[in-house]
Amino acid sequence: MDTPEHRPQQAGKGMDGKRDSKSPPGPVTKTTTEWHMPKIKTNRAAAKRFRKIASGKFKAGHAFKSHILTKKSTKRKRGLRAPNQIRDCDTKRVARMLPYA
């Protein structure tokens, strides 16, 4: 399976391994004098579950409010409507998962 027909082609090179006449003579790079800090990735699972409020804390939805609601009391379901605040001990972890929140 290592015959030239089965080998993947490299960018800018023909089947014989030599450079195509159409390709540029070398890699095209843009030189800049300024240096930027790398971007931090947001944890997408956390982004769907938490929102930052004006005080800097995080709010989240409640568990146990999506299905099997007939056996839960009205008072219990009403309490689950209110926003759920993340505890202070967990705030640092959530803030790290959401660097741009």
C-alpha atoms as a PDB file:
ATOM      1  CA  MET A   1       0.000   0.000   0.000  1.00  0.00           C
ATOM      2  CA  ASP A   2       3.021   2.308  -0.082  1.00  0.00           C
ATOM      3  CA  THR A   3       3.045   2.729  -3.841  1.00  0.00           C
ATOM      4  CA  PRO A   4       3.028   6.303  -5.202  1.00  0.00           C
ATOM      5  CA  GLU A   5      -0.632   5.965  -6.206  1.00  0.00           C
ATOM      6  CA  HIS A   6      -1.694   5.339  -2.588  1.00  0.00           C
ATOM      7  CA  ARG A   7       0.506   7.915  -0.843  1.00  0.00           C
ATOM      8  CA  PRO A   8      -1.189  11.188   0.128  1.00  0.00           C
ATOM      9  CA  GLN A   9       0.077  14.213  -1.766  1.00  0.00           C
ATOM     10  CA  GLN A  10       1.887  16.958   0.065  1.00  0.00           C
ATOM     11  CA  ALA A  11       0.687  20.503  -0.447  1.00  0.00           C
ATOM     12  CA  GLY A  12       2.398  22.192  -3.390  1.00  0.00           C
ATOM     13  CA  LYS A  13       4.145  19.052  -4.597  1.00  0.00           C
ATOM     14  CA  GLY A  14       3.466  16.802  -7.546  1.00  0.00           C
ATOM     15  CA  MET A  15       3.417  13.019  -7.653  1.00  0.00           C
ATOM     16  CA  ASP A  16       7.198  12.861  -8.062  1.00  0.00           C
ATOM     17  CA  GLY A  17       7.770  14.938  -4.900  1.00  0.00           C
ATOM     18  CA  LYS A  18       9.073  17.955  -6.783  1.00  0.00           C
ATOM     19  CA  ARG A  19       7.525  21.376  -6.461  1.00  0.00           C
ATOM     20  CA  ASP A  20       4.745  22.336  -8.887  1.00  0.00           C
ATOM     21  CA  SER A  21       5.410  25.309 -11.113  1.00  0.00           C
ATOM     22  CA  LYS A  22       2.111  26.906  -9.983  1.00  0.00           C
ATOM     23  CA  SER A  23       2.861  26.925  -6.264  1.00  0.00           C
ATOM     24  CA  PRO A  24       4.670  29.851  -4.594  1.00  0.00           C
ATOM     25  CA  PRO A  25       8.404  29.438  -3.922  1.00  0.00           C
ATOM     26  CA  GLY A  26       8.033  29.109  -0.150  1.00  0.00           C
ATOM     27  CA  PRO A  27       5.609  29.321   2.727  1.00  0.00           C
ATOM     28  CA  VAL A  28       3.721  32.596   2.842  1.00  0.00           C
ATOM     29  CA  THR A  29       4.007  34.080   6.331  1.00  0.00           C
ATOM     30  CA  LYS A  30       2.962  37.432   7.670  1.00  0.00           C
ATOM     31  CA  THR A  31       5.522  38.986   9.956  1.00  0.00           C
ATOM     32  CA  THR A  32       4.318  41.224  12.743  1.00  0.00           C
ATOM     33  CA  THR A  33       6.257  43.028  15.413  1.00  0.00           C
ATOM     34  CA  GLU A  34       3.573  42.881  18.087  1.00  0.00           C
ATOM     35  CA  TRP A  35       2.941  39.822  20.238  1.00  0.00           C
ATOM     36  CA  HIS A  36      -0.509  38.759  21.450  1.00  0.00           C
ATOM     37  CA  MET A  37      -1.413  36.583  24.395  1.00  0.00           C
ATOM     38  CA  PRO A  38      -3.020  33.302  23.314  1.00  0.00           C
ATOM     39  CA  LYS A  39      -6.779  33.040  23.624  1.00  0.00           C
ATOM     40  CA  ILE A  40      -8.229  30.879  26.383  1.00  0.00           C
ATOM     41  CA  LYS A  41     -10.886  28.378  25.391  1.00  0.00           C
ATOM     42  CA  THR A  42     -14.272  28.615  27.071  1.00  0.00           C
ATOM     43  CA  ASN A  43     -15.669  25.379  28.429  1.00  0.00           C
ATOM     44  CA  ARG A  44     -18.770  25.014  26.271  1.00  0.00           C
ATOM     45  CA  ALA A  45     -20.606  22.783  28.746  1.00  0.00           C
ATOM     46  CA  ALA A  46     -20.198  25.428  31.450  1.00  0.00           C
ATOM     47  CA  ALA A  47     -21.222  28.223  29.052  1.00  0.00           C
ATOM     48  CA  LYS A  48     -24.571  26.508  28.516  1.00  0.00           C
ATOM     49  CA  ARG A  49     -25.220  26.111  32.244  1.00  0.00           C
ATOM     50  CA  PHE A  50     -23.957  29.275  33.954  1.00  0.00           C
ATOM     51  CA  ARG A  51     -24.407  33.035  33.491  1.00  0.00           C
ATOM     52  CA  LYS A  52     -22.577  35.818  35.300  1.00  0.00           C
ATOM     53  CA  ILE A  53     -24.750  38.330  37.162  1.00  0.00           C
ATOM     54  CA  ALA A  54     -23.981  41.997  37.913  1.00  0.00           C
ATOM     55  CA  SER A  55     -22.503  41.264  41.338  1.00  0.00           C
ATOM     56  CA  GLY A  56     -19.884  38.963  39.802  1.00  0.00           C
ATOM     57  CA  LYS A  57     -21.526  35.773  41.009  1.00  0.00           C
ATOM     58  CA  PHE A  58     -22.867  33.047  38.742  1.00  0.00           C
ATOM     59  CA  LYS A  59     -26.416  31.819  38.365  1.00  0.00           C
ATOM     60  CA  ALA A  60     -27.522  28.437  37.104  1.00  0.00           C
ATOM     61  CA  GLY A  61     -30.699  26.488  36.537  1.00  0.00           C
ATOM     62  CA  HIS A  62     -32.157  24.113  39.064  1.00  0.00           C
ATOM     63  CA  ALA A  63     -32.082  20.354  38.795  1.00  0.00           C
ATOM     64  CA  PHE A  64     -35.236  18.216  38.990  1.00  0.00           C
ATOM     65  CA  LYS A  65     -37.533  20.620  37.120  1.00  0.00           C
ATOM     66  CA  SER A  66     -37.674  19.164  33.626  1.00  0.00           C
ATOM     67  CA  HIS A  67     -39.863  16.055  33.913  1.00  0.00           C
ATOM     68  CA  ILE A  68     -41.901  13.910  36.316  1.00  0.00           C
ATOM     69  CA  LEU A  69     -43.504  17.072  37.678  1.00  0.00           C
ATOM     70  CA  THR A  70     -46.872  15.568  38.634  1.00  0.00           C
ATOM     71  CA  LYS A  71     -45.606  14.077  41.873  1.00  0.00           C
ATOM     72  CA  LYS A  72     -43.821  17.290  42.924  1.00  0.00           C
ATOM     73  CA  SER A  73     -45.772  19.806  44.943  1.00  0.00           C
ATOM     74  CA  THR A  74     -46.670  23.224  43.565  1.00  0.00           C
ATOM     75  CA  LYS A  75     -44.593  24.900  46.251  1.00  0.00           C
ATOM     76  CA  ARG A  76     -41.562  22.815  45.294  1.00  0.00           C
ATOM     77  CA  LYS A  77     -41.963  23.584  41.575  1.00  0.00           C
ATOM     78  CA  ARG A  78     -42.410  27.295  42.328  1.00  0.00           C
ATOM     79  CA  GLY A  79     -39.162  27.275  44.280  1.00  0.00           C
ATOM     80  CA  LEU A  80     -37.361  25.657  41.339  1.00  0.00           C
ATOM     81  CA  ARG A  81     -38.343  28.610  39.112  1.00  0.00           C
ATOM     82  CA  ALA A  82     -36.129  31.012  41.051  1.00  0.00           C
ATOM     83  CA  PRO A  83     -32.531  31.389  39.819  1.00  0.00           C
ATOM     84  CA  ASN A  84     -29.971  29.229  41.559  1.00  0.00           C
ATOM     85  CA  GLN A  85     -26.763  30.971  42.663  1.00  0.00           C
ATOM     86  CA  ILE A  86     -23.465  29.128  42.658  1.00  0.00           C
ATOM     87  CA  ARG A  87     -21.850  28.829  46.072  1.00  0.00           C
ATOM     88  CA  ASP A  88     -18.742  30.863  46.876  1.00  0.00           C
ATOM     89  CA  CYS A  89     -16.596  27.736  47.121  1.00  0.00           C
ATOM     90  CA  ASP A  90     -17.443  26.818  43.494  1.00  0.00           C
ATOM     91  CA  THR A  91     -17.287  30.315  41.990  1.00  0.00           C
ATOM     92  CA  LYS A  92     -13.537  30.177  41.327  1.00  0.00           C
ATOM     93  CA  ARG A  93     -13.872  26.926  39.350  1.00  0.00           C
ATOM     94  CA  VAL A  94     -16.768  28.227  37.267  1.00  0.00           C
ATOM     95  CA  ALA A  95     -14.925  31.503  36.588  1.00  0.00           C
ATOM     96  CA  ARG A  96     -11.944  29.552  35.287  1.00  0.00           C
ATOM     97  CA  MET A  97     -14.171  27.622  32.880  1.00  0.00           C
ATOM     98  CA  LEU A  98     -15.727  30.882  31.642  1.00  0.00           C
ATOM     99  CA  PRO A  99     -12.780  33.268  31.170  1.00  0.00           C
ATOM    100  CA  TYR A 100     -14.750  35.843  29.145  1.00  0.00           C
ATOM    101  CA  ALA A 101     -17.988  35.829  31.169  1.00  0.00           C
END
